Each structure stands twice: as structure tokens, then as C-alpha cells.
Amino acid sequence: MIKQKLTINKLIEEAQAFCIAESKFKNKELYGVTDSKAVGTHIEPLAYQENK
């Protein structure tokens, strides 16, 4: 599979899709969390599993 070139528009599209998909889950572990590193540490493994 050939990777597409990442453009600003494509990045925005993918970020929007990611936010919409993740907003459907009730991640109680993240309620009140303001540390973006903590959020990334929690979300990234889940996103990786989905793309396998």
C-alpha cells in the first residue's frame, strides 16, 4: 500500500474523524483529565489495536 502525502487538509479531516469516533465512547478514566500526555497514553493503544 502506498502512503498518501499528508497535507494540512488531510490532517484536519483525519483529526475530525478521530474526534467524532472517540466521542462515541464513555472513557470514564478520562473525565476531568487535563493532561494531554495522560490522554494520549490512554487513547493511543486503543487506536493502534483498531488499525491492526
PDB file of N, CA and C in Angstrom:
ATOM      1  N   MET A   1       0.847  -1.171   0.000  1.00  0.00           N
ATOM      2  CA  MET A   1       0.000   0.000   0.000  1.00  0.00           C
ATOM      3  C   MET A   1       0.898   1.242   0.000  1.00  0.00           C
ATOM      4  N   ILE A   2       0.605   2.161  -0.859  1.00  0.00           N
ATOM      5  CA  ILE A   2       1.364   3.402  -0.963  1.00  0.00           C
ATOM      6  C   ILE A   2       0.763   4.433  -0.009  1.00  0.00           C
ATOM      7  N   LYS A   3       1.641   5.057   0.784  1.00  0.00           N
ATOM      8  CA  LYS A   3       1.167   6.077   1.715  1.00  0.00           C
ATOM      9  C   LYS A   3       0.866   7.364   0.963  1.00  0.00           C
ATOM     10  N   GLN A   4      -0.234   8.007   1.362  1.00  0.00           N
ATOM     11  CA  GLN A   4      -0.591   9.295   0.779  1.00  0.00           C
ATOM     12  C   GLN A   4       0.233  10.390   1.442  1.00  0.00           C
ATOM     13  N   LYS A   5       0.488  11.451   0.705  1.00  0.00           N
ATOM     14  CA  LYS A   5       1.177  12.596   1.259  1.00  0.00           C
ATOM     15  C   LYS A   5       0.248  13.284   2.259  1.00  0.00           C
ATOM     16  N   LEU A   6       0.787  13.608   3.434  1.00  0.00           N
ATOM     17  CA  LEU A   6      -0.003  14.273   4.448  1.00  0.00           C
ATOM     18  C   LEU A   6      -0.045  15.771   4.166  1.00  0.00           C
ATOM     19  N   THR A   7      -1.240  16.270   3.984  1.00  0.00           N
ATOM     20  CA  THR A   7      -1.445  17.700   3.768  1.00  0.00           C
ATOM     21  C   THR A   7      -2.177  18.263   4.988  1.00  0.00           C
ATOM     22  N   ILE A   8      -2.208  19.557   5.103  1.00  0.00           N
ATOM     23  CA  ILE A   8      -2.936  20.193   6.201  1.00  0.00           C
ATOM     24  C   ILE A   8      -4.408  19.806   6.149  1.00  0.00           C
ATOM     25  N   ASN A   9      -4.999  19.833   4.970  1.00  0.00           N
ATOM     26  CA  ASN A   9      -6.417  19.473   4.832  1.00  0.00           C
ATOM     27  C   ASN A   9      -6.673  18.028   5.245  1.00  0.00           C
ATOM     28  N   LYS A  10      -5.784  17.120   4.843  1.00  0.00           N
ATOM     29  CA  LYS A  10      -5.943  15.708   5.200  1.00  0.00           C
ATOM     30  C   LYS A  10      -5.781  15.524   6.708  1.00  0.00           C
ATOM     31  N   LEU A  11      -4.836  16.241   7.311  1.00  0.00           N
ATOM     32  CA  LEU A  11      -4.643  16.170   8.756  1.00  0.00           C
ATOM     33  C   LEU A  11      -5.898  16.631   9.496  1.00  0.00           C
ATOM     34  N   ILE A  12      -6.487  17.712   9.030  1.00  0.00           N
ATOM     35  CA  ILE A  12      -7.716  18.227   9.642  1.00  0.00           C
ATOM     36  C   ILE A  12      -8.848  17.217   9.493  1.00  0.00           C
ATOM     37  N   GLU A  13      -8.994  16.635   8.318  1.00  0.00           N
ATOM     38  CA  GLU A  13     -10.036  15.620   8.088  1.00  0.00           C
ATOM     39  C   GLU A  13      -9.865  14.434   9.024  1.00  0.00           C
ATOM     40  N   GLU A  14      -8.634  13.947   9.153  1.00  0.00           N
ATOM     41  CA  GLU A  14      -8.366  12.784   9.993  1.00  0.00           C
ATOM     42  C   GLU A  14      -8.577  13.117  11.468  1.00  0.00           C
ATOM     43  N   ALA A  15      -8.193  14.319  11.887  1.00  0.00           N
ATOM     44  CA  ALA A  15      -8.400  14.736  13.273  1.00  0.00           C
ATOM     45  C   ALA A  15      -9.891  14.821  13.591  1.00  0.00           C
ATOM     46  N   GLN A  16     -10.667  15.349  12.660  1.00  0.00           N
ATOM     47  CA  GLN A  16     -12.115  15.431  12.861  1.00  0.00           C
ATOM     48  C   GLN A  16     -12.725  14.029  12.966  1.00  0.00           C
ATOM     49  N   ALA A  17     -12.321  13.139  12.075  1.00  0.00           N
ATOM     50  CA  ALA A  17     -12.842  11.767  12.103  1.00  0.00           C
ATOM     51  C   ALA A  17     -12.470  11.077  13.413  1.00  0.00           C
ATOM     52  N   PHE A  18     -11.236  11.298  13.864  1.00  0.00           N
ATOM     53  CA  PHE A  18     -10.783  10.703  15.120  1.00  0.00           C
ATOM     54  C   PHE A  18     -11.614  11.218  16.290  1.00  0.00           C
ATOM     55  N   CYS A  19     -11.833  12.520  16.338  1.00  0.00           N
ATOM     56  CA  CYS A  19     -12.603  13.113  17.435  1.00  0.00           C
ATOM     57  C   CYS A  19     -14.045  12.616  17.447  1.00  0.00           C
ATOM     58  N   ILE A  20     -14.640  12.508  16.284  1.00  0.00           N
ATOM     59  CA  ILE A  20     -16.016  12.011  16.193  1.00  0.00           C
ATOM     60  C   ILE A  20     -16.086  10.564  16.675  1.00  0.00           C
ATOM     61  N   ALA A  21     -15.143   9.741  16.226  1.00  0.00           N
ATOM     62  CA  ALA A  21     -15.127   8.333  16.627  1.00  0.00           C
ATOM     63  C   ALA A  21     -14.901   8.184  18.127  1.00  0.00           C
ATOM     64  N   GLU A  22     -13.947   8.918  18.676  1.00  0.00           N
ATOM     65  CA  GLU A  22     -13.626   8.795  20.098  1.00  0.00           C
ATOM     66  C   GLU A  22     -14.710   9.376  20.990  1.00  0.00           C
ATOM     67  N   SER A  23     -15.461  10.347  20.497  1.00  0.00           N
ATOM     68  CA  SER A  23     -16.508  10.952  21.324  1.00  0.00           C
ATOM     69  C   SER A  23     -17.687  10.009  21.544  1.00  0.00           C
ATOM     70  N   LYS A  24     -17.733   8.906  20.815  1.00  0.00           N
ATOM     71  CA  LYS A  24     -18.807   7.927  20.982  1.00  0.00           C
ATOM     72  C   LYS A  24     -18.577   7.014  22.175  1.00  0.00           C
ATOM     73  N   PHE A  25     -17.353   7.016  22.731  1.00  0.00           N
ATOM     74  CA  PHE A  25     -17.013   6.147  23.851  1.00  0.00           C
ATOM     75  C   PHE A  25     -17.038   6.929  25.156  1.00  0.00           C
ATOM     76  N   LYS A  26     -17.545   6.302  26.200  1.00  0.00           N
ATOM     77  CA  LYS A  26     -17.578   6.902  27.537  1.00  0.00           C
ATOM     78  C   LYS A  26     -16.319   6.456  28.282  1.00  0.00           C
ATOM     79  N   ASN A  27     -15.244   7.212  28.110  1.00  0.00           N
ATOM     80  CA  ASN A  27     -13.984   6.895  28.773  1.00  0.00           C
ATOM     81  C   ASN A  27     -13.968   7.513  30.160  1.00  0.00           C
ATOM     82  N   LYS A  28     -14.538   6.802  31.138  1.00  0.00           N
ATOM     83  CA  LYS A  28     -14.637   7.326  32.495  1.00  0.00           C
ATOM     84  C   LYS A  28     -13.263   7.638  33.080  1.00  0.00           C
ATOM     85  N   GLU A  29     -12.228   6.927  32.624  1.00  0.00           N
ATOM     86  CA  GLU A  29     -10.876   7.160  33.122  1.00  0.00           C
ATOM     87  C   GLU A  29     -10.366   8.550  32.741  1.00  0.00           C
ATOM     88  N   LEU A  30     -10.988   9.160  31.747  1.00  0.00           N
ATOM     89  CA  LEU A  30     -10.506  10.451  31.253  1.00  0.00           C
ATOM     90  C   LEU A  30     -11.322  11.640  31.751  1.00  0.00           C
ATOM     91  N   TYR A  31     -12.410  11.400  32.471  1.00  0.00           N
ATOM     92  CA  TYR A  31     -13.217  12.513  32.968  1.00  0.00           C
ATOM     93  C   TYR A  31     -12.375  13.377  33.905  1.00  0.00           C
ATOM     94  N   GLY A  32     -12.310  14.650  33.628  1.00  0.00           N
ATOM     95  CA  GLY A  32     -11.580  15.586  34.460  1.00  0.00           C
ATOM     96  C   GLY A  32     -10.090  15.664  34.187  1.00  0.00           C
ATOM     97  N   VAL A  33      -9.590  14.852  33.259  1.00  0.00           N
ATOM     98  CA  VAL A  33      -8.160  14.857  32.953  1.00  0.00           C
ATOM     99  C   VAL A  33      -7.838  16.052  32.067  1.00  0.00           C
ATOM    100  N   THR A  34      -6.855  16.828  32.463  1.00  0.00           N
ATOM    101  CA  THR A  34      -6.440  17.980  31.668  1.00  0.00           C
ATOM    102  C   THR A  34      -5.029  17.804  31.113  1.00  0.00           C
ATOM    103  N   ASP A  35      -4.411  16.684  31.427  1.00  0.00           N
ATOM    104  CA  ASP A  35      -3.050  16.399  30.979  1.00  0.00           C
ATOM    105  C   ASP A  35      -3.115  15.656  29.645  1.00  0.00           C
ATOM    106  N   SER A  36      -2.722  16.334  28.563  1.00  0.00           N
ATOM    107  CA  SER A  36      -2.833  15.720  27.232  1.00  0.00           C
ATOM    108  C   SER A  36      -1.957  14.482  27.089  1.00  0.00           C
ATOM    109  N   LYS A  37      -0.844  14.409  27.799  1.00  0.00           N
ATOM    110  CA  LYS A  37       0.004  13.216  27.741  1.00  0.00           C
ATOM    111  C   LYS A  37      -0.745  12.015  28.323  1.00  0.00           C
ATOM    112  N   ALA A  38      -1.468  12.234  29.407  1.00  0.00           N
ATOM    113  CA  ALA A  38      -2.250  11.152  30.005  1.00  0.00           C
ATOM    114  C   ALA A  38      -3.333  10.673  29.046  1.00  0.00           C
ATOM    115  N   VAL A  39      -3.961  11.597  28.359  1.00  0.00           N
ATOM    116  CA  VAL A  39      -4.990  11.236  27.384  1.00  0.00           C
ATOM    117  C   VAL A  39      -4.369  10.413  26.254  1.00  0.00           C
ATOM    118  N   GLY A  40      -3.253  10.886  25.716  1.00  0.00           N
ATOM    119  CA  GLY A  40      -2.578  10.168  24.640  1.00  0.00           C
ATOM    120  C   GLY A  40      -2.137   8.787  25.061  1.00  0.00           C
ATOM    121  N   THR A  41      -1.619   8.671  26.288  1.00  0.00           N
ATOM    122  CA  THR A  41      -1.172   7.377  26.801  1.00  0.00           C
ATOM    123  C   THR A  41      -2.336   6.405  26.873  1.00  0.00           C
ATOM    124  N   HIS A  42      -3.516   6.899  27.176  1.00  0.00           N
ATOM    125  CA  HIS A  42      -4.701   6.040  27.269  1.00  0.00           C
ATOM    126  C   HIS A  42      -5.285   5.709  25.900  1.00  0.00           C
ATOM    127  N   ILE A  43      -5.345   6.688  25.004  1.00  0.00           N
ATOM    128  CA  ILE A  43      -6.033   6.538  23.718  1.00  0.00           C
ATOM    129  C   ILE A  43      -5.177   5.827  22.665  1.00  0.00           C
ATOM    130  N   GLU A  44      -3.891   6.124  22.604  1.00  0.00           N
ATOM    131  CA  GLU A  44      -3.046   5.584  21.539  1.00  0.00           C
ATOM    132  C   GLU A  44      -3.074   4.056  21.439  1.00  0.00           C
ATOM    133  N   PRO A  45      -2.960   3.314  22.533  1.00  0.00           N
ATOM    134  CA  PRO A  45      -3.019   1.846  22.388  1.00  0.00           C
ATOM    135  C   PRO A  45      -4.354   1.364  21.829  1.00  0.00           C
ATOM    136  N   LEU A  46      -5.438   2.041  22.181  1.00  0.00           N
ATOM    137  CA  LEU A  46      -6.753   1.661  21.662  1.00  0.00           C
ATOM    138  C   LEU A  46      -6.832   1.903  20.154  1.00  0.00           C
ATOM    139  N   ALA A  47      -6.316   3.039  19.719  1.00  0.00           N
ATOM    140  CA  ALA A  47      -6.326   3.359  18.293  1.00  0.00           C
ATOM    141  C   ALA A  47      -5.440   2.396  17.523  1.00  0.00           C
ATOM    142  N   TYR A  48      -4.318   2.004  18.118  1.00  0.00           N
ATOM    143  CA  TYR A  48      -3.405   1.054  17.460  1.00  0.00           C
ATOM    144  C   TYR A  48      -4.081  -0.293  17.262  1.00  0.00           C
ATOM    145  N   GLN A  49      -4.808  -0.761  18.279  1.00  0.00           N
ATOM    146  CA  GLN A  49      -5.500  -2.046  18.204  1.00  0.00           C
ATOM    147  C   GLN A  49      -6.554  -2.048  17.098  1.00  0.00           C
ATOM    148  N   GLU A  50      -7.242  -0.920  16.919  1.00  0.00           N
ATOM    149  CA  GLU A  50      -8.298  -0.816  15.899  1.00  0.00           C
ATOM    150  C   GLU A  50      -7.716  -0.898  14.489  1.00  0.00           C
ATOM    151  N   ASN A  51      -6.476  -0.424  14.306  1.00  0.00           N
ATOM    152  CA  ASN A  51      -5.879  -0.380  12.970  1.00  0.00           C
ATOM    153  C   ASN A  51      -5.131  -1.647  12.598  1.00  0.00           C
ATOM    154  N   LYS A  52      -5.143  -2.642  13.436  1.00  0.00           N
ATOM    155  CA  LYS A  52      -4.459  -3.902  13.120  1.00  0.00           C
ATOM    156  C   LYS A  52      -5.242  -4.707  12.130  1.00  0.00           C
TER     157      LYS A  52
END
